[in-house]
Amino acid sequence: MLMATLLARMPDLRRRVQAQHVADHWGCCSECGGRVQWPCDLHQIAVAAERLARRRPHGPYSQQRLPEPRALRPVTNRGFAAR
């Protein structure tokens, strides 16, 4: 569940995992390689993360905008901030 919680905060990565980890014509995951049955663990985690993100569209899993950075004071030629 921890991986789904983390992935819920990263919508671009979540969509990419879901798009890349699809079934091939043998019913295996095309991205994981080998004979990993689809849906693979990563795809299932991405689906769980999608559910978490949809349940909390404005909560801690939403893409929140960060505050604008504060203006920095100019630096003098000695490397110290001007006062």
Protein backbone atom coordinates (compact mmCIF):
# COMPACT_ATOMS: atom_id res chain seq x y z
CA MET A 1 0.00 0.00 0.00
CA LEU A 2 2.95 2.31 0.61
CA MET A 3 3.96 2.14 -3.06
CA ALA A 4 0.40 2.97 -4.15
CA THR A 5 0.35 5.91 -1.73
CA LEU A 6 3.59 7.25 -3.16
CA LEU A 7 2.54 6.64 -6.75
CA ALA A 8 -0.78 8.42 -6.12
CA ARG A 9 1.24 11.63 -5.70
CA MET A 10 2.92 11.19 -9.10
CA PRO A 11 0.22 11.23 -11.79
CA ASP A 12 2.63 11.28 -14.75
CA LEU A 13 4.53 8.24 -13.54
CA ARG A 14 1.28 6.45 -12.65
CA ARG A 15 -0.09 6.95 -16.18
CA ARG A 16 3.19 5.85 -17.74
CA VAL A 17 3.25 2.62 -15.69
CA GLN A 18 -0.33 1.85 -16.71
CA ALA A 19 0.41 2.57 -20.36
CA GLN A 20 3.62 0.51 -20.52
CA HIS A 21 2.61 -2.51 -18.43
CA VAL A 22 0.02 -4.06 -20.75
CA ALA A 23 -0.69 -7.65 -21.75
CA ASP A 24 1.03 -9.12 -24.77
CA HIS A 25 -0.57 -11.78 -27.00
CA TRP A 26 0.44 -14.53 -24.51
CA GLY A 27 -1.25 -12.78 -21.57
CA CYS A 28 2.05 -11.72 -20.01
CA CYS A 29 3.24 -8.24 -19.10
CA SER A 30 5.01 -6.72 -22.09
CA GLU A 31 7.24 -4.51 -19.93
CA CYS A 32 8.28 -6.85 -17.10
CA GLY A 33 9.74 -9.44 -19.45
CA GLY A 34 9.88 -13.17 -18.94
CA ARG A 35 6.64 -14.95 -18.22
CA VAL A 36 5.15 -12.49 -15.70
CA GLN A 37 1.37 -12.89 -15.84
CA TRP A 38 -0.60 -9.74 -16.54
CA PRO A 39 -1.72 -7.75 -14.63
CA CYS A 40 1.72 -7.57 -13.07
CA ASP A 41 2.41 -6.20 -9.60
CA LEU A 42 3.42 -2.77 -10.93
CA HIS A 43 0.23 -2.42 -12.95
CA GLN A 44 -1.86 -3.42 -9.94
CA ILE A 45 -0.04 -0.87 -7.76
CA ALA A 46 -0.68 1.83 -10.39
CA VAL A 47 -4.39 0.94 -10.47
CA ALA A 48 -4.55 1.13 -6.66
CA ALA A 49 -2.78 4.50 -6.79
CA GLU A 50 -5.32 5.73 -9.35
CA ARG A 51 -8.13 4.78 -6.96
CA LEU A 52 -6.41 6.63 -4.11
CA ALA A 53 -5.91 9.73 -6.23
CA ARG A 54 -9.55 9.74 -7.38
CA ARG A 55 -10.84 9.35 -3.83
CA ARG A 56 -8.88 12.39 -2.66
CA PRO A 57 -8.82 14.87 -5.55
CA HIS A 58 -8.10 17.81 -3.24
CA GLY A 59 -6.38 15.93 -0.45
CA PRO A 60 -2.77 14.98 0.20
CA TYR A 61 -2.50 12.98 -3.04
CA SER A 62 -3.49 15.81 -5.35
CA GLN A 63 -0.96 17.74 -7.33
CA GLN A 64 -0.55 20.77 -5.13
CA ARG A 65 1.10 23.94 -6.33
CA LEU A 66 4.12 24.97 -4.36
CA PRO A 67 4.28 28.55 -3.08
CA GLU A 68 6.27 31.01 -5.13
CA PRO A 69 9.90 31.22 -3.98
CA ARG A 70 10.87 34.27 -2.00
CA ALA A 71 13.11 36.82 -3.65
CA LEU A 72 16.73 36.37 -2.67
CA ARG A 73 18.93 39.24 -1.66
CA PRO A 74 21.67 40.06 -4.15
CA VAL A 75 25.13 38.68 -3.40
CA THR A 76 28.12 41.01 -3.23
CA ASN A 77 31.44 40.25 -4.84
CA ARG A 78 32.65 38.77 -1.51
CA GLY A 79 29.94 36.12 -1.54
CA PHE A 80 27.94 37.56 1.36
CA ALA A 81 24.36 38.75 1.03
CA ALA A 82 24.01 42.51 0.82
CA ARG A 83 22.17 44.07 3.75
